[in-house]
Amino acid sequence: MYDEGGDAGAAPMGGGMSRFNLEGLIPLLLLVIIGVASLNYFGVIEVPYLPRGSSSKQVLFIGVPSTGERIVLDNLNYFLRYNIRDASTFGNAASEELQQYDIVILDQSLSADKSVTVGLGEAIQKYVDKGGKLILVMNSGVQQSVGFGGLTAVDAIGWKANFGNTMPAECVPNSVSIPSCKPGQEMSVVGRIYRQDYDHPIMLGTEMTPTLDEAPYAMTTLSIQANEGAKTIAYIKAENTPQSFPAILEKKNFPLGNVIYFNYDPGLTMNVFKNTIMYLK
């Protein structure tokens, strides 16, 4: 006869498999917890009771801010810090420098020079591709700087030469085949800005601005169109000419990058500009 007690100390097969599966899951769970904590720390997501990184958001303004833009940025100093730089000051380390910022604003609308170097253009594109948040204003960055003395490439007008397909706006030829975003093609219009996307937080509290009991804005804009994959958040309806123009466009870039385009001075609509910063932060 066989000794029936010989296997008494052996663990049941099912129990062994359960312990094995549990031990294998522990490292996986730890990786998930570390990943969630890291995303929370750097502000990508918010998890209650977990410690965050620096509470101050870092904003880089490339160009010259308008009065309204300065007012908004100064009023948000309780949670952000901003630096102002000229596009010409960036060198070979531009990509590493941009990665230090939560939001980058490229606004050269008050400058005669609308150019960026090839290096800065590539750095901005990489910044967005890696999840960066960018605000682009008017025809900023539509020219390519090729050297000292303000020289620009005459065969590179528009955003695609500098930033690829990253930007929400697209420059188109006008009636005389001149690129509509080329410096000197800006249009002066009198009109109002209307909300088109009624669910978007950028236009929260603003259906139309200014309201009909106030004088319309005198603003500068461009005859551009939305790029492929971009959505229109608001539009400009001119009152001195039977025309409408995109006012605010958005293009989300995989996986987390986002670009908001203003086809006018964001400082004209300070609540909308403030909402944009809060939305991107």
C-alpha atoms as a PDB file:
ATOM      1  CA  MET A   1       0.000   0.000   0.000  1.00  0.00           C
ATOM      2  CA  TYR A   2       1.079   3.489  -0.638  1.00  0.00           C
ATOM      3  CA  ASP A   3       1.764   5.940   2.207  1.00  0.00           C
ATOM      4  CA  GLU A   4      -1.159   8.355   1.960  1.00  0.00           C
ATOM      5  CA  GLY A   5       0.527  10.820   4.316  1.00  0.00           C
ATOM      6  CA  GLY A   6       3.566  11.313   2.100  1.00  0.00           C
ATOM      7  CA  ASP A   7       2.073  14.350   0.312  1.00  0.00           C
ATOM      8  CA  ALA A   8       0.513  15.947   3.380  1.00  0.00           C
ATOM      9  CA  GLY A   9       3.001  18.852   3.377  1.00  0.00           C
ATOM     10  CA  ALA A  10       2.550  19.754  -0.293  1.00  0.00           C
ATOM     11  CA  ALA A  11       0.587  22.933  -0.977  1.00  0.00           C
ATOM     12  CA  PRO A  12      -2.518  22.583  -3.124  1.00  0.00           C
ATOM     13  CA  MET A  13      -1.847  23.557  -6.706  1.00  0.00           C
ATOM     14  CA  GLY A  14      -4.490  26.268  -6.703  1.00  0.00           C
ATOM     15  CA  GLY A  15      -3.083  27.973  -3.602  1.00  0.00           C
ATOM     16  CA  GLY A  16       0.440  27.979  -5.037  1.00  0.00           C
ATOM     17  CA  MET A  17      -0.753  29.589  -8.227  1.00  0.00           C
ATOM     18  CA  SER A  18      -2.624  32.275  -6.239  1.00  0.00           C
ATOM     19  CA  ARG A  19       0.478  33.172  -4.260  1.00  0.00           C
ATOM     20  CA  PHE A  20       2.535  33.206  -7.444  1.00  0.00           C
ATOM     21  CA  ASN A  21       0.080  35.527  -9.212  1.00  0.00           C
ATOM     22  CA  LEU A  22      -0.087  37.890  -6.247  1.00  0.00           C
ATOM     23  CA  GLU A  23       3.695  38.123  -5.969  1.00  0.00           C
ATOM     24  CA  GLY A  24       3.921  38.851  -9.690  1.00  0.00           C
ATOM     25  CA  LEU A  25       1.324  41.625  -9.445  1.00  0.00           C
ATOM     26  CA  ILE A  26       3.049  43.507  -6.618  1.00  0.00           C
ATOM     27  CA  PRO A  27       5.805  45.064  -8.816  1.00  0.00           C
ATOM     28  CA  LEU A  28       3.161  45.996 -11.375  1.00  0.00           C
ATOM     29  CA  LEU A  29       1.034  47.729  -8.747  1.00  0.00           C
ATOM     30  CA  LEU A  30       4.063  49.594  -7.448  1.00  0.00           C
ATOM     31  CA  LEU A  31       4.832  50.853 -10.960  1.00  0.00           C
ATOM     32  CA  VAL A  32       1.235  52.082 -11.350  1.00  0.00           C
ATOM     33  CA  ILE A  33       1.358  53.885  -7.976  1.00  0.00           C
ATOM     34  CA  ILE A  34       4.694  55.513  -8.800  1.00  0.00           C
ATOM     35  CA  GLY A  35       3.389  56.579 -12.226  1.00  0.00           C
ATOM     36  CA  VAL A  36       0.230  58.165 -10.765  1.00  0.00           C
ATOM     37  CA  ALA A  37       2.250  59.942  -8.070  1.00  0.00           C
ATOM     38  CA  SER A  38       4.670  61.296 -10.687  1.00  0.00           C
ATOM     39  CA  LEU A  39       1.868  62.605 -12.914  1.00  0.00           C
ATOM     40  CA  ASN A  40       0.292  64.281  -9.886  1.00  0.00           C
ATOM     41  CA  TYR A  41       3.614  65.788  -8.775  1.00  0.00           C
ATOM     42  CA  PHE A  42       4.228  67.404 -12.152  1.00  0.00           C
ATOM     43  CA  GLY A  43       0.659  68.655 -12.465  1.00  0.00           C
ATOM     44  CA  VAL A  44      -0.486  66.422 -15.332  1.00  0.00           C
ATOM     45  CA  ILE A  45      -3.309  65.059 -13.154  1.00  0.00           C
ATOM     46  CA  GLU A  46      -4.642  65.989  -9.718  1.00  0.00           C
ATOM     47  CA  VAL A  47      -4.974  63.359  -6.985  1.00  0.00           C
ATOM     48  CA  PRO A  48      -6.342  64.560  -3.625  1.00  0.00           C
ATOM     49  CA  TYR A  49      -3.953  64.384  -0.647  1.00  0.00           C
ATOM     50  CA  LEU A  50      -0.891  63.566  -2.751  1.00  0.00           C
ATOM     51  CA  PRO A  51       1.946  66.136  -2.618  1.00  0.00           C
ATOM     52  CA  ARG A  52       2.423  68.322  -5.686  1.00  0.00           C
ATOM     53  CA  GLY A  53       5.566  69.825  -7.167  1.00  0.00           C
ATOM     54  CA  SER A  54       6.114  73.584  -7.266  1.00  0.00           C
ATOM     55  CA  SER A  55       2.778  75.363  -6.844  1.00  0.00           C
ATOM     56  CA  SER A  56       3.866  78.146  -9.203  1.00  0.00           C
ATOM     57  CA  LYS A  57       3.375  77.536 -12.912  1.00  0.00           C
ATOM     58  CA  GLN A  58       6.204  78.776 -15.104  1.00  0.00           C
ATOM     59  CA  VAL A  59       5.229  80.785 -18.202  1.00  0.00           C
ATOM     60  CA  LEU A  60       7.599  81.931 -20.948  1.00  0.00           C
ATOM     61  CA  PHE A  61       6.539  84.886 -23.089  1.00  0.00           C
ATOM     62  CA  ILE A  62       8.480  85.086 -26.376  1.00  0.00           C
ATOM     63  CA  GLY A  63       7.955  88.528 -27.878  1.00  0.00           C
ATOM     64  CA  VAL A  64       6.384  91.708 -26.498  1.00  0.00           C
ATOM     65  CA  PRO A  65       3.202  91.467 -24.392  1.00  0.00           C
ATOM     66  CA  SER A  66       0.400  93.956 -24.958  1.00  0.00           C
ATOM     67  CA  THR A  67      -0.936  96.017 -22.054  1.00  0.00           C
ATOM     68  CA  GLY A  68      -3.909  93.705 -21.603  1.00  0.00           C
ATOM     69  CA  GLU A  69      -1.735  90.588 -21.636  1.00  0.00           C
ATOM     70  CA  ARG A  70       0.536  92.062 -18.955  1.00  0.00           C
ATOM     71  CA  ILE A  71      -2.450  92.917 -16.777  1.00  0.00           C
ATOM     72  CA  VAL A  72      -3.779  89.360 -16.954  1.00  0.00           C
ATOM     73  CA  LEU A  73      -0.385  87.748 -16.283  1.00  0.00           C
ATOM     74  CA  ASP A  74       0.284  90.123 -13.379  1.00  0.00           C
ATOM     75  CA  ASN A  75      -3.149  89.410 -11.869  1.00  0.00           C
ATOM     76  CA  LEU A  76      -2.422  85.678 -11.988  1.00  0.00           C
ATOM     77  CA  ASN A  77       0.810  86.050 -10.023  1.00  0.00           C
ATOM     78  CA  TYR A  78      -0.717  84.087  -7.145  1.00  0.00           C
ATOM     79  CA  PHE A  79      -0.020  80.877  -9.071  1.00  0.00           C
ATOM     80  CA  LEU A  80       2.300  81.704 -11.981  1.00  0.00           C
ATOM     81  CA  ARG A  81       5.618  83.349 -12.720  1.00  0.00           C
ATOM     82  CA  TYR A  82       6.450  84.593 -16.191  1.00  0.00           C
ATOM     83  CA  ASN A  83       9.609  85.540 -18.048  1.00  0.00           C
ATOM     84  CA  ILE A  84       9.841  87.618 -21.231  1.00  0.00           C
ATOM     85  CA  ARG A  85      12.422  86.891 -23.911  1.00  0.00           C
ATOM     86  CA  ASP A  86      13.092  87.817 -27.518  1.00  0.00           C
ATOM     87  CA  ALA A  87      13.137  85.001 -30.063  1.00  0.00           C
ATOM     88  CA  SER A  88      16.636  86.011 -31.156  1.00  0.00           C
ATOM     89  CA  THR A  89      18.101  85.188 -27.723  1.00  0.00           C
ATOM     90  CA  PHE A  90      17.651  81.417 -28.068  1.00  0.00           C
ATOM     91  CA  GLY A  91      20.631  79.300 -29.065  1.00  0.00           C
ATOM     92  CA  ASN A  92      21.354  75.612 -29.423  1.00  0.00           C
ATOM     93  CA  ALA A  93      19.879  74.788 -26.008  1.00  0.00           C
ATOM     94  CA  ALA A  94      16.408  76.109 -26.896  1.00  0.00           C
ATOM     95  CA  SER A  95      14.726  72.714 -26.562  1.00  0.00           C
ATOM     96  CA  GLU A  96      16.066  72.152 -23.036  1.00  0.00           C
ATOM     97  CA  GLU A  97      15.088  75.700 -22.009  1.00  0.00           C
ATOM     98  CA  LEU A  98      11.491  75.372 -23.213  1.00  0.00           C
ATOM     99  CA  GLN A  99      10.984  72.136 -21.291  1.00  0.00           C
ATOM    100  CA  GLN A 100      11.315  74.129 -18.048  1.00  0.00           C
ATOM    101  CA  TYR A 101       8.009  75.924 -18.712  1.00  0.00           C
ATOM    102  CA  ASP A 102       4.401  74.861 -18.240  1.00  0.00           C
ATOM    103  CA  ILE A 103       3.101  77.324 -20.856  1.00  0.00           C
ATOM    104  CA  VAL A 104       4.878  79.128 -23.701  1.00  0.00           C
ATOM    105  CA  ILE A 105       3.353  82.217 -25.348  1.00  0.00           C
ATOM    106  CA  LEU A 106       4.686  83.228 -28.774  1.00  0.00           C
ATOM    107  CA  ASP A 107       3.449  86.743 -29.488  1.00  0.00           C
ATOM    108  CA  GLN A 108       5.473  88.917 -31.858  1.00  0.00           C
ATOM    109  CA  SER A 109       2.431  90.916 -32.997  1.00  0.00           C
ATOM    110  CA  LEU A 110       3.885  94.147 -31.577  1.00  0.00           C
ATOM    111  CA  SER A 111       7.296  93.495 -33.137  1.00  0.00           C
ATOM    112  CA  ALA A 112       8.397  94.168 -36.691  1.00  0.00           C
ATOM    113  CA  ASP A 113      10.317  90.876 -36.648  1.00  0.00           C
ATOM    114  CA  LYS A 114       7.997  87.851 -36.937  1.00  0.00           C
ATOM    115  CA  SER A 115      10.788  85.321 -37.373  1.00  0.00           C
ATOM    116  CA  VAL A 116      12.245  82.419 -35.441  1.00  0.00           C
ATOM    117  CA  THR A 117      15.407  80.482 -36.155  1.00  0.00           C
ATOM    118  CA  VAL A 118      15.286  76.936 -37.476  1.00  0.00           C
ATOM    119  CA  GLY A 119      16.496  75.752 -34.056  1.00  0.00           C
ATOM    120  CA  LEU A 120      13.803  77.604 -32.106  1.00  0.00           C
ATOM    121  CA  GLY A 121      11.113  76.445 -34.527  1.00  0.00           C
ATOM    122  CA  GLU A 122      12.154  72.822 -34.054  1.00  0.00           C
ATOM    123  CA  ALA A 123      12.375  73.318 -30.274  1.00  0.00           C
ATOM    124  CA  ILE A 124       8.809  74.693 -30.124  1.00  0.00           C
ATOM    125  CA  GLN A 125       7.545  71.815 -32.251  1.00  0.00           C
ATOM    126  CA  LYS A 126       9.252  69.264 -29.970  1.00  0.00           C
ATOM    127  CA  TYR A 127       7.933  71.088 -26.890  1.00  0.00           C
ATOM    128  CA  VAL A 128       4.340  70.673 -28.111  1.00  0.00           C
ATOM    129  CA  ASP A 129       4.916  67.106 -29.315  1.00  0.00           C
ATOM    130  CA  LYS A 130       6.130  66.183 -25.818  1.00  0.00           C
ATOM    131  CA  GLY A 131       2.993  67.569 -24.174  1.00  0.00           C
ATOM    132  CA  GLY A 132       3.779  71.298 -23.917  1.00  0.00           C
ATOM    133  CA  LYS A 133       1.111  74.021 -23.920  1.00  0.00           C
ATOM    134  CA  LEU A 134       1.533  76.892 -26.414  1.00  0.00           C
ATOM    135  CA  ILE A 135      -0.359  80.112 -27.105  1.00  0.00           C
ATOM    136  CA  LEU A 136       0.296  81.569 -30.573  1.00  0.00           C
ATOM    137  CA  VAL A 137      -0.795  85.101 -31.479  1.00  0.00           C
ATOM    138  CA  MET A 138      -1.467  86.546 -34.938  1.00  0.00           C
ATOM    139  CA  ASN A 139       1.391  86.036 -37.435  1.00  0.00           C
ATOM    140  CA  SER A 140       4.090  85.340 -34.877  1.00  0.00           C
ATOM    141  CA  GLY A 141       6.702  82.904 -36.157  1.00  0.00           C
ATOM    142  CA  VAL A 142       5.656  83.054 -39.828  1.00  0.00           C
ATOM    143  CA  GLN A 143       9.155  83.920 -41.037  1.00  0.00           C
ATOM    144  CA  GLN A 144      12.396  81.973 -40.792  1.00  0.00           C
ATOM    145  CA  SER A 145      15.510  83.779 -39.569  1.00  0.00           C
ATOM    146  CA  VAL A 146      18.603  82.833 -41.575  1.00  0.00           C
ATOM    147  CA  GLY A 147      21.258  85.095 -40.106  1.00  0.00           C
ATOM    148  CA  PHE A 148      22.218  88.402 -38.551  1.00  0.00           C
ATOM    149  CA  GLY A 149      20.814  91.699 -39.731  1.00  0.00           C
ATOM    150  CA  GLY A 150      17.187  90.561 -39.842  1.00  0.00           C
ATOM    151  CA  LEU A 151      17.617  88.330 -42.885  1.00  0.00           C
ATOM    152  CA  THR A 152      14.715  85.923 -43.447  1.00  0.00           C
ATOM    153  CA  ALA A 153      14.116  83.139 -45.947  1.00  0.00           C
ATOM    154  CA  VAL A 154      11.901  84.552 -48.708  1.00  0.00           C
ATOM    155  CA  ASP A 155      10.683  81.074 -49.659  1.00  0.00           C
ATOM    156  CA  ALA A 156       9.407  80.249 -46.165  1.00  0.00           C
ATOM    157  CA  ILE A 157       6.277  82.238 -45.282  1.00  0.00           C
ATOM    158  CA  GLY A 158       3.816  80.648 -42.882  1.00  0.00           C
ATOM    159  CA  TRP A 159       3.936  78.332 -39.896  1.00  0.00           C
ATOM    160  CA  LYS A 160       4.541  74.984 -41.590  1.00  0.00           C
ATOM    161  CA  ALA A 161       8.134  75.785 -42.583  1.00  0.00           C
ATOM    162  CA  ASN A 162       9.055  76.432 -38.930  1.00  0.00           C
ATOM    163  CA  PHE A 163       6.681  74.229 -36.932  1.00  0.00           C
ATOM    164  CA  GLY A 164       5.445  71.516 -39.294  1.00  0.00           C
ATOM    165  CA  ASN A 165       1.751  70.728 -38.858  1.00  0.00           C
ATOM    166  CA  THR A 166       1.686  71.738 -35.181  1.00  0.00           C
ATOM    167  CA  MET A 167      -0.156  75.070 -35.424  1.00  0.00           C
ATOM    168  CA  PRO A 168      -3.972  75.451 -35.571  1.00  0.00           C
ATOM    169  CA  ALA A 169      -3.899  78.239 -38.169  1.00  0.00           C
ATOM    170  CA  GLU A 170      -2.986  78.000 -41.834  1.00  0.00           C
ATOM    171  CA  CYS A 171      -1.734  80.815 -44.024  1.00  0.00           C
ATOM    172  CA  VAL A 172      -3.469  81.015 -47.417  1.00  0.00           C
ATOM    173  CA  PRO A 173      -2.798  83.081 -50.576  1.00  0.00           C
ATOM    174  CA  ASN A 174      -4.938  86.202 -50.847  1.00  0.00           C
ATOM    175  CA  SER A 175      -6.549  87.601 -53.997  1.00  0.00           C
ATOM    176  CA  VAL A 176      -3.161  88.668 -55.393  1.00  0.00           C
ATOM    177  CA  SER A 177      -1.375  85.445 -54.355  1.00  0.00           C
ATOM    178  CA  ILE A 178       0.398  86.976 -51.348  1.00  0.00           C
ATOM    179  CA  PRO A 179       0.374  84.780 -48.217  1.00  0.00           C
ATOM    180  CA  SER A 180      -2.323  86.197 -45.978  1.00  0.00           C
ATOM    181  CA  CYS A 181      -0.164  85.889 -42.851  1.00  0.00           C
ATOM    182  CA  LYS A 182       2.856  87.684 -44.333  1.00  0.00           C
ATOM    183  CA  PRO A 183       3.839  90.825 -42.385  1.00  0.00           C
ATOM    184  CA  GLY A 184       2.083  93.786 -43.976  1.00  0.00           C
ATOM    185  CA  GLN A 185      -1.080  91.817 -44.799  1.00  0.00           C
ATOM    186  CA  GLU A 186      -2.774  92.476 -41.453  1.00  0.00           C
ATOM    187  CA  MET A 187      -6.315  93.863 -41.657  1.00  0.00           C
ATOM    188  CA  SER A 188      -7.887  96.551 -39.476  1.00  0.00           C
ATOM    189  CA  VAL A 189     -11.488  95.696 -38.681  1.00  0.00           C
ATOM    190  CA  VAL A 190     -14.221  96.952 -36.397  1.00  0.00           C
ATOM    191  CA  GLY A 191     -16.263  94.122 -34.960  1.00  0.00           C
ATOM    192  CA  ARG A 192     -17.205  91.749 -32.190  1.00  0.00           C
ATOM    193  CA  ILE A 193     -16.062  88.306 -31.094  1.00  0.00           C
ATOM    194  CA  TYR A 194     -18.672  85.561 -30.900  1.00  0.00           C
ATOM    195  CA  ARG A 195     -18.507  82.228 -29.135  1.00  0.00           C
ATOM    196  CA  GLN A 196     -18.738  79.258 -31.526  1.00  0.00           C
ATOM    197  CA  ASP A 197     -17.926  76.321 -29.260  1.00  0.00           C
ATOM    198  CA  TYR A 198     -20.495  76.645 -26.485  1.00  0.00           C
ATOM    199  CA  ASP A 199     -18.929  73.933 -24.339  1.00  0.00           C
ATOM    200  CA  HIS A 200     -15.375  75.239 -24.336  1.00  0.00           C
ATOM    201  CA  PRO A 201     -14.087  76.633 -21.002  1.00  0.00           C
ATOM    202  CA  ILE A 202     -12.034  79.345 -22.744  1.00  0.00           C
ATOM    203  CA  MET A 203     -15.239  81.222 -23.577  1.00  0.00           C
ATOM    204  CA  LEU A 204     -16.844  80.623 -20.181  1.00  0.00           C
ATOM    205  CA  GLY A 205     -18.876  83.712 -19.292  1.00  0.00           C
ATOM    206  CA  THR A 206     -18.419  85.280 -22.749  1.00  0.00           C
ATOM    207  CA  GLU A 207     -21.035  84.657 -25.431  1.00  0.00           C
ATOM    208  CA  MET A 208     -20.256  87.825 -27.373  1.00  0.00           C
ATOM    209  CA  THR A 209     -17.810  90.629 -26.700  1.00  0.00           C
ATOM    210  CA  PRO A 210     -18.314  93.523 -26.514  1.00  0.00           C
ATOM    211  CA  THR A 211     -22.059  93.428 -25.970  1.00  0.00           C
ATOM    212  CA  LEU A 212     -24.326  95.371 -28.330  1.00  0.00           C
ATOM    213  CA  ASP A 213     -24.717  98.275 -25.912  1.00  0.00           C
ATOM    214  CA  GLU A 214     -20.978  99.006 -26.228  1.00  0.00           C
ATOM    215  CA  ALA A 215     -18.825 100.121 -29.137  1.00  0.00           C
ATOM    216  CA  PRO A 216     -17.233  97.258 -31.117  1.00  0.00           C
ATOM    217  CA  TYR A 217     -13.524  96.536 -30.949  1.00  0.00           C
ATOM    218  CA  ALA A 218     -11.138  98.187 -33.371  1.00  0.00           C
ATOM    219  CA  MET A 219      -8.742  95.300 -33.908  1.00  0.00           C
ATOM    220  CA  THR A 220      -6.081  93.921 -36.196  1.00  0.00           C
ATOM    221  CA  THR A 221      -6.609  90.444 -37.621  1.00  0.00           C
ATOM    222  CA  LEU A 222      -5.537  88.128 -40.443  1.00  0.00           C
ATOM    223  CA  SER A 223      -7.449  86.357 -43.189  1.00  0.00           C
ATOM    224  CA  ILE A 224      -6.336  82.859 -42.191  1.00  0.00           C
ATOM    225  CA  GLN A 225      -8.127  79.528 -41.998  1.00  0.00           C
ATOM    226  CA  ALA A 226      -8.165  76.639 -39.546  1.00  0.00           C
ATOM    227  CA  ASN A 227      -5.532  73.994 -40.147  1.00  0.00           C
ATOM    228  CA  GLU A 228      -6.434  70.327 -40.477  1.00  0.00           C
ATOM    229  CA  GLY A 229      -7.370  68.905 -37.098  1.00  0.00           C
ATOM    230  CA  ALA A 230      -8.047  72.315 -35.510  1.00  0.00           C
ATOM    231  CA  LYS A 231     -11.357  73.447 -34.010  1.00  0.00           C
ATOM    232  CA  THR A 232     -12.812  76.967 -33.983  1.00  0.00           C
ATOM    233  CA  ILE A 233     -13.625  78.219 -30.497  1.00  0.00           C
ATOM    234  CA  ALA A 234     -14.687  81.766 -31.447  1.00  0.00           C
ATOM    235  CA  TYR A 235     -14.927  83.969 -34.527  1.00  0.00           C
ATOM    236  CA  ILE A 236     -14.723  87.660 -35.407  1.00  0.00           C
ATOM    237  CA  LYS A 237     -17.686  89.241 -37.176  1.00  0.00           C
ATOM    238  CA  ALA A 238     -16.624  92.532 -38.748  1.00  0.00           C
ATOM    239  CA  GLU A 239     -19.070  95.430 -38.855  1.00  0.00           C
ATOM    240  CA  ASN A 240     -17.155  97.667 -41.274  1.00  0.00           C
ATOM    241  CA  THR A 241     -16.991  94.934 -43.911  1.00  0.00           C
ATOM    242  CA  PRO A 242     -19.174  91.885 -44.644  1.00  0.00           C
ATOM    243  CA  GLN A 243     -16.531  89.404 -43.454  1.00  0.00           C
ATOM    244  CA  SER A 244     -15.913  86.954 -40.663  1.00  0.00           C
ATOM    245  CA  PHE A 245     -12.583  85.586 -39.452  1.00  0.00           C
ATOM    246  CA  PRO A 246     -11.495  82.826 -37.068  1.00  0.00           C
ATOM    247  CA  ALA A 247     -10.800  84.433 -33.682  1.00  0.00           C
ATOM    248  CA  ILE A 248      -9.581  81.556 -31.502  1.00  0.00           C
ATOM    249  CA  LEU A 249      -8.482  78.133 -32.730  1.00  0.00           C
ATOM    250  CA  GLU A 250      -7.298  75.060 -30.866  1.00  0.00           C
ATOM    251  CA  LYS A 251      -5.270  72.082 -32.005  1.00  0.00           C
ATOM    252  CA  LYS A 252      -4.480  69.212 -29.678  1.00  0.00           C
ATOM    253  CA  ASN A 253      -1.313  67.306 -30.490  1.00  0.00           C
ATOM    254  CA  PHE A 254      -0.778  63.709 -29.419  1.00  0.00           C
ATOM    255  CA  PRO A 255      -0.400  62.768 -26.650  1.00  0.00           C
ATOM    256  CA  LEU A 256      -0.920  65.850 -24.413  1.00  0.00           C
ATOM    257  CA  GLY A 257       0.344  68.871 -26.359  1.00  0.00           C
ATOM    258  CA  ASN A 258      -2.052  71.731 -27.013  1.00  0.00           C
ATOM    259  CA  VAL A 259      -1.854  74.944 -29.063  1.00  0.00           C
ATOM    260  CA  ILE A 260      -4.317  77.840 -28.774  1.00  0.00           C
ATOM    261  CA  TYR A 261      -4.211  80.438 -31.558  1.00  0.00           C
ATOM    262  CA  PHE A 262      -5.462  84.029 -31.176  1.00  0.00           C
ATOM    263  CA  ASN A 263      -6.173  85.937 -34.392  1.00  0.00           C
ATOM    264  CA  TYR A 264      -6.194  89.238 -32.475  1.00  0.00           C
ATOM    265  CA  ASP A 265      -4.553  90.775 -29.418  1.00  0.00           C
ATOM    266  CA  PRO A 266      -5.628  88.525 -26.494  1.00  0.00           C
ATOM    267  CA  GLY A 267      -5.315  91.554 -24.233  1.00  0.00           C
ATOM    268  CA  LEU A 268      -8.527  92.947 -25.761  1.00  0.00           C
ATOM    269  CA  THR A 269     -10.492  90.149 -24.092  1.00  0.00           C
ATOM    270  CA  MET A 270      -8.857  89.827 -20.714  1.00  0.00           C
ATOM    271  CA  ASN A 271     -11.385  87.346 -19.295  1.00  0.00           C
ATOM    272  CA  VAL A 272     -10.956  85.078 -22.320  1.00  0.00           C
ATOM    273  CA  PHE A 273      -7.163  85.285 -22.058  1.00  0.00           C
ATOM    274  CA  LYS A 274      -7.348  84.502 -18.329  1.00  0.00           C
ATOM    275  CA  ASN A 275      -9.607  81.526 -19.070  1.00  0.00           C
ATOM    276  CA  THR A 276      -7.063  80.309 -21.626  1.00  0.00           C
ATOM    277  CA  ILE A 277      -4.228  80.340 -19.092  1.00  0.00           C
ATOM    278  CA  MET A 278      -6.393  78.520 -16.544  1.00  0.00           C
ATOM    279  CA  TYR A 279      -7.447  75.971 -19.171  1.00  0.00           C
ATOM    280  CA  LEU A 280      -3.865  75.193 -20.200  1.00  0.00           C
ATOM    281  CA  LYS A 281      -2.341  75.125 -16.705  1.00  0.00           C
END
